[in-house]
Structure formats: structure tokens, C-alpha cells
PDB file of N, CA and C in Angstrom:
ATOM      1  N   MET A   1      -7.748  -3.184  23.853  1.00  0.00           N
ATOM      2  CA  MET A   1      -7.257  -2.111  23.026  1.00  0.00           C
ATOM      3  C   MET A   1      -5.894  -1.667  23.545  1.00  0.00           C
ATOM      4  N   PRO A   2      -4.913  -1.462  22.644  1.00  0.00           N
ATOM      5  CA  PRO A   2      -3.596  -1.009  23.094  1.00  0.00           C
ATOM      6  C   PRO A   2      -3.703   0.354  23.778  1.00  0.00           C
ATOM      7  N   GLN A   3      -2.681   0.642  24.571  1.00  0.00           N
ATOM      8  CA  GLN A   3      -2.665   1.925  25.270  1.00  0.00           C
ATOM      9  C   GLN A   3      -2.724   3.072  24.271  1.00  0.00           C
ATOM     10  N   ALA A   4      -3.584   4.029  24.547  1.00  0.00           N
ATOM     11  CA  ALA A   4      -3.745   5.186  23.657  1.00  0.00           C
ATOM     12  C   ALA A   4      -2.608   6.175  23.890  1.00  0.00           C
ATOM     13  N   VAL A   5      -2.198   6.819  22.810  1.00  0.00           N
ATOM     14  CA  VAL A   5      -1.186   7.867  22.878  1.00  0.00           C
ATOM     15  C   VAL A   5      -1.878   9.169  22.508  1.00  0.00           C
ATOM     16  N   LYS A   6      -1.730  10.168  23.347  1.00  0.00           N
ATOM     17  CA  LYS A   6      -2.395  11.445  23.096  1.00  0.00           C
ATOM     18  C   LYS A   6      -1.667  12.220  22.005  1.00  0.00           C
ATOM     19  N   ARG A   7      -2.457  12.889  21.177  1.00  0.00           N
ATOM     20  CA  ARG A   7      -1.956  13.777  20.134  1.00  0.00           C
ATOM     21  C   ARG A   7      -2.746  15.074  20.232  1.00  0.00           C
ATOM     22  N   CYS A   8      -2.107  16.150  19.916  1.00  0.00           N
ATOM     23  CA  CYS A   8      -2.781  17.439  19.887  1.00  0.00           C
ATOM     24  C   CYS A   8      -2.858  17.875  18.429  1.00  0.00           C
ATOM     25  N   VAL A   9      -4.047  18.178  17.960  1.00  0.00           N
ATOM     26  CA  VAL A   9      -4.214  18.605  16.569  1.00  0.00           C
ATOM     27  C   VAL A   9      -4.900  19.960  16.541  1.00  0.00           C
ATOM     28  N   ALA A  10      -4.533  20.743  15.556  1.00  0.00           N
ATOM     29  CA  ALA A  10      -5.185  22.039  15.344  1.00  0.00           C
ATOM     30  C   ALA A  10      -6.080  21.903  14.117  1.00  0.00           C
ATOM     31  N   LEU A  11      -7.319  22.328  14.250  1.00  0.00           N
ATOM     32  CA  LEU A  11      -8.294  22.227  13.172  1.00  0.00           C
ATOM     33  C   LEU A  11      -8.807  23.616  12.811  1.00  0.00           C
ATOM     34  N   PRO A  12      -9.126  23.815  11.543  1.00  0.00           N
ATOM     35  CA  PRO A  12      -9.753  25.077  11.171  1.00  0.00           C
ATOM     36  C   PRO A  12     -11.173  25.138  11.751  1.00  0.00           C
ATOM     37  N   PRO A  13     -11.699  26.339  11.892  1.00  0.00           N
ATOM     38  CA  PRO A  13     -13.018  26.504  12.534  1.00  0.00           C
ATOM     39  C   PRO A  13     -14.131  25.662  11.918  1.00  0.00           C
ATOM     40  N   ASP A  14     -14.167  25.514  10.607  1.00  0.00           N
ATOM     41  CA  ASP A  14     -15.248  24.735   9.993  1.00  0.00           C
ATOM     42  C   ASP A  14     -15.163  23.267  10.395  1.00  0.00           C
ATOM     43  N   GLN A  15     -13.961  22.739  10.534  1.00  0.00           N
ATOM     44  CA  GLN A  15     -13.828  21.343  10.960  1.00  0.00           C
ATOM     45  C   GLN A  15     -14.140  21.188  12.445  1.00  0.00           C
ATOM     46  N   VAL A  16     -13.810  22.193  13.248  1.00  0.00           N
ATOM     47  CA  VAL A  16     -14.170  22.159  14.667  1.00  0.00           C
ATOM     48  C   VAL A  16     -15.695  22.121  14.801  1.00  0.00           C
ATOM     49  N   ARG A  17     -16.391  22.961  14.022  1.00  0.00           N
ATOM     50  CA  ARG A  17     -17.864  22.963  14.066  1.00  0.00           C
ATOM     51  C   ARG A  17     -18.411  21.605  13.642  1.00  0.00           C
ATOM     52  N   PHE A  18     -17.806  21.008  12.628  1.00  0.00           N
ATOM     53  CA  PHE A  18     -18.258  19.696  12.163  1.00  0.00           C
ATOM     54  C   PHE A  18     -18.092  18.643  13.267  1.00  0.00           C
ATOM     55  N   VAL A  19     -16.937  18.630  13.913  1.00  0.00           N
ATOM     56  CA  VAL A  19     -16.690  17.686  15.006  1.00  0.00           C
ATOM     57  C   VAL A  19     -17.695  17.932  16.129  1.00  0.00           C
ATOM     58  N   ASP A  20     -17.879  19.192  16.492  1.00  0.00           N
ATOM     59  CA  ASP A  20     -18.827  19.519  17.570  1.00  0.00           C
ATOM     60  C   ASP A  20     -20.249  19.099  17.216  1.00  0.00           C
ATOM     61  N   THR A  21     -20.625  19.264  15.951  1.00  0.00           N
ATOM     62  CA  THR A  21     -21.966  18.857  15.502  1.00  0.00           C
ATOM     63  C   THR A  21     -22.135  17.347  15.620  1.00  0.00           C
ATOM     64  N   LEU A  22     -21.104  16.600  15.237  1.00  0.00           N
ATOM     65  CA  LEU A  22     -21.176  15.140  15.345  1.00  0.00           C
ATOM     66  C   LEU A  22     -21.318  14.694  16.793  1.00  0.00           C
ATOM     67  N   ILE A  23     -20.608  15.358  17.689  1.00  0.00           N
ATOM     68  CA  ILE A  23     -20.698  15.007  19.109  1.00  0.00           C
ATOM     69  C   ILE A  23     -22.073  15.390  19.650  1.00  0.00           C
ATOM     70  N   ALA A  24     -22.539  16.598  19.306  1.00  0.00           N
ATOM     71  CA  ALA A  24     -23.850  17.062  19.789  1.00  0.00           C
ATOM     72  C   ALA A  24     -24.988  16.174  19.290  1.00  0.00           C
ATOM     73  N   SER A  25     -24.816  15.600  18.102  1.00  0.00           N
ATOM     74  CA  SER A  25     -25.866  14.742  17.545  1.00  0.00           C
ATOM     75  C   SER A  25     -25.936  13.391  18.239  1.00  0.00           C
ATOM     76  N   GLY A  26     -24.899  13.074  18.998  1.00  0.00           N
ATOM     77  CA  GLY A  26     -24.850  11.777  19.668  1.00  0.00           C
ATOM     78  C   GLY A  26     -24.201  10.696  18.830  1.00  0.00           C
ATOM     79  N   ALA A  27     -23.757  11.048  17.628  1.00  0.00           N
ATOM     80  CA  ALA A  27     -23.110  10.059  16.762  1.00  0.00           C
ATOM     81  C   ALA A  27     -21.765   9.612  17.337  1.00  0.00           C
ATOM     82  N   TYR A  28     -21.104  10.506  18.053  1.00  0.00           N
ATOM     83  CA  TYR A  28     -19.811  10.203  18.676  1.00  0.00           C
ATOM     84  C   TYR A  28     -19.814  10.768  20.084  1.00  0.00           C
ATOM     85  N   GLN A  29     -19.053  10.127  20.960  1.00  0.00           N
ATOM     86  CA  GLN A  29     -19.020  10.559  22.352  1.00  0.00           C
ATOM     87  C   GLN A  29     -17.987  11.645  22.620  1.00  0.00           C
ATOM     88  N   SER A  30     -16.974  11.738  21.758  1.00  0.00           N
ATOM     89  CA  SER A  30     -15.907  12.702  22.013  1.00  0.00           C
ATOM     90  C   SER A  30     -15.207  13.063  20.714  1.00  0.00           C
ATOM     91  N   SER A  31     -14.387  14.109  20.786  1.00  0.00           N
ATOM     92  CA  SER A  31     -13.615  14.485  19.596  1.00  0.00           C
ATOM     93  C   SER A  31     -12.613  13.389  19.251  1.00  0.00           C
ATOM     94  N   GLY A  32     -12.110  12.690  20.264  1.00  0.00           N
ATOM     95  CA  GLY A  32     -11.199  11.582  20.006  1.00  0.00           C
ATOM     96  C   GLY A  32     -11.873  10.475  19.205  1.00  0.00           C
ATOM     97  N   ALA A  33     -13.138  10.206  19.523  1.00  0.00           N
ATOM     98  CA  ALA A  33     -13.881   9.180  18.783  1.00  0.00           C
ATOM     99  C   ALA A  33     -14.078   9.611  17.334  1.00  0.00           C
ATOM    100  N   VAL A  34     -14.325  10.909  17.112  1.00  0.00           N
ATOM    101  CA  VAL A  34     -14.466  11.420  15.745  1.00  0.00           C
ATOM    102  C   VAL A  34     -13.150  11.252  15.000  1.00  0.00           C
ATOM    103  N   MET A  35     -12.046  11.619  15.634  1.00  0.00           N
ATOM    104  CA  MET A  35     -10.729  11.521  14.992  1.00  0.00           C
ATOM    105  C   MET A  35     -10.389  10.062  14.671  1.00  0.00           C
ATOM    106  N   ARG A  36     -10.689   9.158  15.584  1.00  0.00           N
ATOM    107  CA  ARG A  36     -10.410   7.737  15.313  1.00  0.00           C
ATOM    108  C   ARG A  36     -11.223   7.238  14.124  1.00  0.00           C
ATOM    109  N   ALA A  37     -12.499   7.640  14.062  1.00  0.00           N
ATOM    110  CA  ALA A  37     -13.338   7.239  12.923  1.00  0.00           C
ATOM    111  C   ALA A  37     -12.805   7.838  11.624  1.00  0.00           C
ATOM    112  N   ALA A  38     -12.375   9.091  11.689  1.00  0.00           N
ATOM    113  CA  ALA A  38     -11.827   9.741  10.491  1.00  0.00           C
ATOM    114  C   ALA A  38     -10.555   9.035  10.030  1.00  0.00           C
ATOM    115  N   LEU A  39      -9.708   8.661  10.961  1.00  0.00           N
ATOM    116  CA  LEU A  39      -8.474   7.961  10.590  1.00  0.00           C
ATOM    117  C   LEU A  39      -8.755   6.571  10.036  1.00  0.00           C
ATOM    118  N   ARG A  40      -9.760   5.885  10.601  1.00  0.00           N
ATOM    119  CA  ARG A  40     -10.138   4.576  10.045  1.00  0.00           C
ATOM    120  C   ARG A  40     -10.629   4.732   8.610  1.00  0.00           C
ATOM    121  N   ALA A  41     -11.418   5.782   8.349  1.00  0.00           N
ATOM    122  CA  ALA A  41     -11.908   6.034   6.986  1.00  0.00           C
ATOM    123  C   ALA A  41     -10.750   6.352   6.051  1.00  0.00           C
ATOM    124  N   LEU A  42      -9.789   7.128   6.516  1.00  0.00           N
ATOM    125  CA  LEU A  42      -8.617   7.456   5.709  1.00  0.00           C
ATOM    126  C   LEU A  42      -7.791   6.199   5.420  1.00  0.00           C
ATOM    127  N   GLN A  43      -7.619   5.355   6.424  1.00  0.00           N
ATOM    128  CA  GLN A  43      -6.898   4.096   6.214  1.00  0.00           C
ATOM    129  C   GLN A  43      -7.625   3.211   5.207  1.00  0.00           C
ATOM    130  N   ALA A  44      -8.944   3.144   5.301  1.00  0.00           N
ATOM    131  CA  ALA A  44      -9.721   2.333   4.362  1.00  0.00           C
ATOM    132  C   ALA A  44      -9.600   2.885   2.946  1.00  0.00           C
ATOM    133  N   ARG A  45      -9.660   4.219   2.812  1.00  0.00           N
ATOM    134  CA  ARG A  45      -9.516   4.836   1.488  1.00  0.00           C
ATOM    135  C   ARG A  45      -8.134   4.547   0.899  1.00  0.00           C
ATOM    136  N   ASP A  46      -7.101   4.682   1.721  1.00  0.00           N
ATOM    137  CA  ASP A  46      -5.750   4.419   1.235  1.00  0.00           C
ATOM    138  C   ASP A  46      -5.569   2.946   0.859  1.00  0.00           C
ATOM    139  N   ALA A  47      -6.150   2.052   1.645  1.00  0.00           N
ATOM    140  CA  ALA A  47      -6.060   0.621   1.327  1.00  0.00           C
ATOM    141  C   ALA A  47      -6.798   0.323   0.020  1.00  0.00           C
ATOM    142  N   ALA A  48      -7.956   0.950  -0.173  1.00  0.00           N
ATOM    143  CA  ALA A  48      -8.710   0.756  -1.417  1.00  0.00           C
ATOM    144  C   ALA A  48      -7.915   1.289  -2.606  1.00  0.00           C
ATOM    145  N   MET A  49      -7.259   2.422  -2.440  1.00  0.00           N
ATOM    146  CA  MET A  49      -6.439   2.989  -3.506  1.00  0.00           C
ATOM    147  C   MET A  49      -5.275   2.047  -3.832  1.00  0.00           C
ATOM    148  N   GLU A  50      -4.656   1.508  -2.813  1.00  0.00           N
ATOM    149  CA  GLU A  50      -3.548   0.572  -3.023  1.00  0.00           C
ATOM    150  C   GLU A  50      -4.031  -0.673  -3.772  1.00  0.00           C
ATOM    151  N   ARG A  51      -5.196  -1.199  -3.373  1.00  0.00           N
ATOM    152  CA  ARG A  51      -5.748  -2.370  -4.073  1.00  0.00           C
ATOM    153  C   ARG A  51      -6.028  -2.035  -5.532  1.00  0.00           C
ATOM    154  N   TRP A  52      -6.587  -0.842  -5.786  1.00  0.00           N
ATOM    155  CA  TRP A  52      -6.892  -0.423  -7.157  1.00  0.00           C
ATOM    156  C   TRP A  52      -5.613  -0.310  -7.980  1.00  0.00           C
ATOM    157  N   VAL A  53      -4.605   0.315  -7.410  1.00  0.00           N
ATOM    158  CA  VAL A  53      -3.339   0.469  -8.135  1.00  0.00           C
ATOM    159  C   VAL A  53      -2.763  -0.906  -8.470  1.00  0.00           C
ATOM    160  N   LEU A  54      -2.739  -1.798  -7.494  1.00  0.00           N
ATOM    161  CA  LEU A  54      -2.148  -3.124  -7.720  1.00  0.00           C
ATOM    162  C   LEU A  54      -2.977  -3.985  -8.671  1.00  0.00           C
ATOM    163  N   SER A  55      -4.310  -3.865  -8.599  1.00  0.00           N
ATOM    164  CA  SER A  55      -5.145  -4.736  -9.425  1.00  0.00           C
ATOM    165  C   SER A  55      -5.444  -4.168 -10.808  1.00  0.00           C
ATOM    166  N   GLN A  56      -5.439  -2.839 -10.957  1.00  0.00           N
ATOM    167  CA  GLN A  56      -5.825  -2.229 -12.228  1.00  0.00           C
ATOM    168  C   GLN A  56      -4.674  -1.485 -12.914  1.00  0.00           C
ATOM    169  N   VAL A  57      -4.021  -0.617 -12.187  1.00  0.00           N
ATOM    170  CA  VAL A  57      -3.008   0.251 -12.797  1.00  0.00           C
ATOM    171  C   VAL A  57      -1.754  -0.527 -13.174  1.00  0.00           C
ATOM    172  N   VAL A  58      -1.224  -1.291 -12.235  1.00  0.00           N
ATOM    173  CA  VAL A  58       0.021  -2.022 -12.507  1.00  0.00           C
ATOM    174  C   VAL A  58      -0.136  -2.978 -13.688  1.00  0.00           C
ATOM    175  N   PRO A  59      -1.203  -3.796 -13.735  1.00  0.00           N
ATOM    176  CA  PRO A  59      -1.353  -4.667 -14.901  1.00  0.00           C
ATOM    177  C   PRO A  59      -1.499  -3.880 -16.217  1.00  0.00           C
ATOM    178  N   MET A  60      -2.224  -2.775 -16.181  1.00  0.00           N
ATOM    179  CA  MET A  60      -2.400  -1.967 -17.386  1.00  0.00           C
ATOM    180  C   MET A  60      -1.064  -1.379 -17.841  1.00  0.00           C
ATOM    181  N   LEU A  61      -0.301  -0.862 -16.907  1.00  0.00           N
ATOM    182  CA  LEU A  61       1.007  -0.317 -17.268  1.00  0.00           C
ATOM    183  C   LEU A  61       1.924  -1.420 -17.799  1.00  0.00           C
ATOM    184  N   GLY A  62       1.827  -2.598 -17.192  1.00  0.00           N
ATOM    185  CA  GLY A  62       2.613  -3.729 -17.689  1.00  0.00           C
ATOM    186  C   GLY A  62       2.235  -4.094 -19.106  1.00  0.00           C
ATOM    187  N   ALA A  63       0.937  -4.109 -19.388  1.00  0.00           N
ATOM    188  CA  ALA A  63       0.472  -4.426 -20.742  1.00  0.00           C
ATOM    189  C   ALA A  63       0.913  -3.352 -21.725  1.00  0.00           C
ATOM    190  N   MET A  64       0.839  -2.088 -21.312  1.00  0.00           N
ATOM    191  CA  MET A  64       1.280  -1.000 -22.182  1.00  0.00           C
ATOM    192  C   MET A  64       2.777  -1.104 -22.458  1.00  0.00           C
ATOM    193  N   HIS A  65       3.518  -1.463 -21.435  1.00  0.00           N
ATOM    194  CA  HIS A  65       4.973  -1.576 -21.583  1.00  0.00           C
ATOM    195  C   HIS A  65       5.331  -2.702 -22.555  1.00  0.00           C
ATOM    196  N   GLN A  66       4.619  -3.815 -22.469  1.00  0.00           N
ATOM    197  CA  GLN A  66       4.896  -4.941 -23.366  1.00  0.00           C
ATOM    198  C   GLN A  66       4.490  -4.626 -24.793  1.00  0.00           C
ATOM    199  N   ALA A  67       3.474  -3.791 -24.961  1.00  0.00           N
ATOM    200  CA  ALA A  67       2.972  -3.494 -26.298  1.00  0.00           C
ATOM    201  C   ALA A  67       3.796  -2.427 -27.014  1.00  0.00           C
ATOM    202  N   ARG A  68       4.635  -1.728 -26.304  1.00  0.00           N
ATOM    203  CA  ARG A  68       5.407  -0.645 -26.904  1.00  0.00           C
ATOM    204  C   ARG A  68       6.891  -0.987 -26.906  1.00  0.00           C
ATOM    205  N   PRO A  69       7.605  -0.465 -27.865  1.00  0.00           N
ATOM    206  CA  PRO A  69       9.049  -0.659 -27.861  1.00  0.00           C
ATOM    207  C   PRO A  69       9.669   0.090 -26.685  1.00  0.00           C
ATOM    208  N   PRO A  70      10.830  -0.360 -26.224  1.00  0.00           N
ATOM    209  CA  PRO A  70      11.481   0.319 -25.099  1.00  0.00           C
ATOM    210  C   PRO A  70      11.738   1.783 -25.439  1.00  0.00           C
ATOM    211  N   GLY A  71      11.620   2.613 -24.460  1.00  0.00           N
ATOM    212  CA  GLY A  71      11.858   4.035 -24.644  1.00  0.00           C
ATOM    213  C   GLY A  71      11.558   4.774 -23.363  1.00  0.00           C
ATOM    214  N   PRO A  72      11.631   6.100 -23.400  1.00  0.00           N
ATOM    215  CA  PRO A  72      11.365   6.874 -22.182  1.00  0.00           C
ATOM    216  C   PRO A  72       9.895   6.749 -21.773  1.00  0.00           C
ATOM    217  N   PRO A  73       9.595   6.892 -20.469  1.00  0.00           N
ATOM    218  CA  PRO A  73       8.212   6.794 -20.000  1.00  0.00           C
ATOM    219  C   PRO A  73       7.352   7.878 -20.649  1.00  0.00           C
ATOM    220  N   ASP A  74       6.091   7.564 -20.816  1.00  0.00           N
ATOM    221  CA  ASP A  74       5.159   8.524 -21.403  1.00  0.00           C
ATOM    222  C   ASP A  74       4.900   9.655 -20.421  1.00  0.00           C
ATOM    223  N   ASP A  75       5.115  10.864 -20.878  1.00  0.00           N
ATOM    224  CA  ASP A  75       4.877  12.016 -20.021  1.00  0.00           C
ATOM    225  C   ASP A  75       3.404  12.156 -19.663  1.00  0.00           C
ATOM    226  N   HIS A  76       2.512  11.770 -20.579  1.00  0.00           N
ATOM    227  CA  HIS A  76       1.084  11.937 -20.273  1.00  0.00           C
ATOM    228  C   HIS A  76       0.643  11.005 -19.150  1.00  0.00           C
ATOM    229  N   VAL A  77       1.237   9.824 -19.026  1.00  0.00           N
ATOM    230  CA  VAL A  77       0.899   8.922 -17.925  1.00  0.00           C
ATOM    231  C   VAL A  77       1.388   9.534 -16.617  1.00  0.00           C
ATOM    232  N   ARG A  78       2.610  10.011 -16.615  1.00  0.00           N
ATOM    233  CA  ARG A  78       3.175  10.629 -15.422  1.00  0.00           C
ATOM    234  C   ARG A  78       2.340  11.852 -15.008  1.00  0.00           C
ATOM    235  N   THR A  79       1.956  12.666 -15.966  1.00  0.00           N
ATOM    236  CA  THR A  79       1.152  13.846 -15.686  1.00  0.00           C
ATOM    237  C   THR A  79      -0.212  13.461 -15.120  1.00  0.00           C
ATOM    238  N   ALA A  80      -0.833  12.437 -15.698  1.00  0.00           N
ATOM    239  CA  ALA A  80      -2.148  11.993 -15.207  1.00  0.00           C
ATOM    240  C   ALA A  80      -2.051  11.492 -13.771  1.00  0.00           C
ATOM    241  N   VAL A  81      -1.011  10.745 -13.460  1.00  0.00           N
ATOM    242  CA  VAL A  81      -0.843  10.240 -12.093  1.00  0.00           C
ATOM    243  C   VAL A  81      -0.647  11.402 -11.131  1.00  0.00           C
ATOM    244  N   ARG A  82       0.183  12.354 -11.498  1.00  0.00           N
ATOM    245  CA  ARG A  82       0.413  13.523 -10.627  1.00  0.00           C
ATOM    246  C   ARG A  82      -0.872  14.326 -10.436  1.00  0.00           C
ATOM    247  N   ARG A  83      -1.643  14.496 -11.501  1.00  0.00           N
ATOM    248  CA  ARG A  83      -2.894  15.258 -11.402  1.00  0.00           C
ATOM    249  C   ARG A  83      -3.866  14.544 -10.453  1.00  0.00           C
ATOM    250  N   ASN A  84      -4.005  13.241 -10.613  1.00  0.00           N
ATOM    251  CA  ASN A  84      -4.902  12.491  -9.725  1.00  0.00           C
ATOM    252  C   ASN A  84      -4.391  12.499  -8.296  1.00  0.00           C
ATOM    253  N   GLU A  85      -3.095  12.389  -8.108  1.00  0.00           N
ATOM    254  CA  GLU A  85      -2.529  12.431  -6.769  1.00  0.00           C
ATOM    255  C   GLU A  85      -2.835  13.773  -6.116  1.00  0.00           C
ATOM    256  N   ALA A  86      -2.728  14.854  -6.878  1.00  0.00           N
ATOM    257  CA  ALA A  86      -3.032  16.173  -6.353  1.00  0.00           C
ATOM    258  C   ALA A  86      -4.495  16.261  -5.917  1.00  0.00           C
ATOM    259  N   VAL A  87      -5.387  15.673  -6.689  1.00  0.00           N
ATOM    260  CA  VAL A  87      -6.814  15.673  -6.338  1.00  0.00           C
ATOM    261  C   VAL A  87      -7.033  14.863  -5.078  1.00  0.00           C
ATOM    262  N   TRP A  88      -6.400  13.682  -4.976  1.00  0.00           N
ATOM    263  CA  TRP A  88      -6.575  12.850  -3.792  1.00  0.00           C
ATOM    264  C   TRP A  88      -6.028  13.562  -2.562  1.00  0.00           C
ATOM    265  N   LEU A  89      -4.867  14.185  -2.695  1.00  0.00           N
ATOM    266  CA  LEU A  89      -4.276  14.871  -1.545  1.00  0.00           C
ATOM    267  C   LEU A  89      -5.102  16.087  -1.158  1.00  0.00           C
ATOM    268  N   ASP A  90      -5.686  16.767  -2.135  1.00  0.00           N
ATOM    269  CA  ASP A  90      -6.481  17.957  -1.853  1.00  0.00           C
ATOM    270  C   ASP A  90      -7.748  17.609  -1.097  1.00  0.00           C
ATOM    271  N   GLU A  91      -8.257  16.390  -1.246  1.00  0.00           N
ATOM    272  CA  GLU A  91      -9.454  15.968  -0.530  1.00  0.00           C
ATOM    273  C   GLU A  91      -9.216  15.949   0.963  1.00  0.00           C
ATOM    274  N   ASP A  92      -7.959  15.813   1.371  1.00  0.00           N
ATOM    275  CA  ASP A  92      -7.632  15.718   2.793  1.00  0.00           C
ATOM    276  C   ASP A  92      -7.535  17.084   3.457  1.00  0.00           C
ATOM    277  N   ARG A  93      -7.593  18.130   2.691  1.00  0.00           N
ATOM    278  CA  ARG A  93      -7.447  19.466   3.287  1.00  0.00           C
ATOM    279  C   ARG A  93      -8.761  20.000   3.735  1.00  0.00           C
TER     280      ARG A  93
END
């Protein structure tokens, strides 16, 4: 394993209790182990989102673009993407 680099993070009380509960249950040995698992899950989620965008969204947008005459981008598509992005980002809080 590469050399670890220490980071200091501040967590709200409910997340501190959650981390402490995971350690007390024996599921993890330390808060660092919890953070590493959380980051791996976040990386996996982001990779899955990237795969979904590349395999589903991009082809669909390409098909929509070919089916329509040239013109300005659809505001409803842009709005939907922003709304979903806001939901995804809010999950991290």
C-alpha cells in the first residue's frame, strides 16, 4: 500500500456518532478505515455515474440531436441535468 497521507476532517455530530457506531460494532477498526470505505463507495458511485452518462445519456443526446434541426440547446434538458446534479450533490451532505 502506498504511503498514507494524513488529512484532518470536521464532521457534524450525527456523522461522528455514525462513525463511532461503526467502530464500536467491530465493522471497522478506526475512523480512518471508515473514511477509506466511504471514499471507495463515493469513487464507485462516481464511476457508475460516469458509465451511465457515457452509455445512456450521451447516445440519447446524440440521437436527439440528429433527429432535430440545428438550434439552441433545449432548456428542459439543461434544467433536468442541473436538477439531478443538485440531488446527487445533496446526497453527499
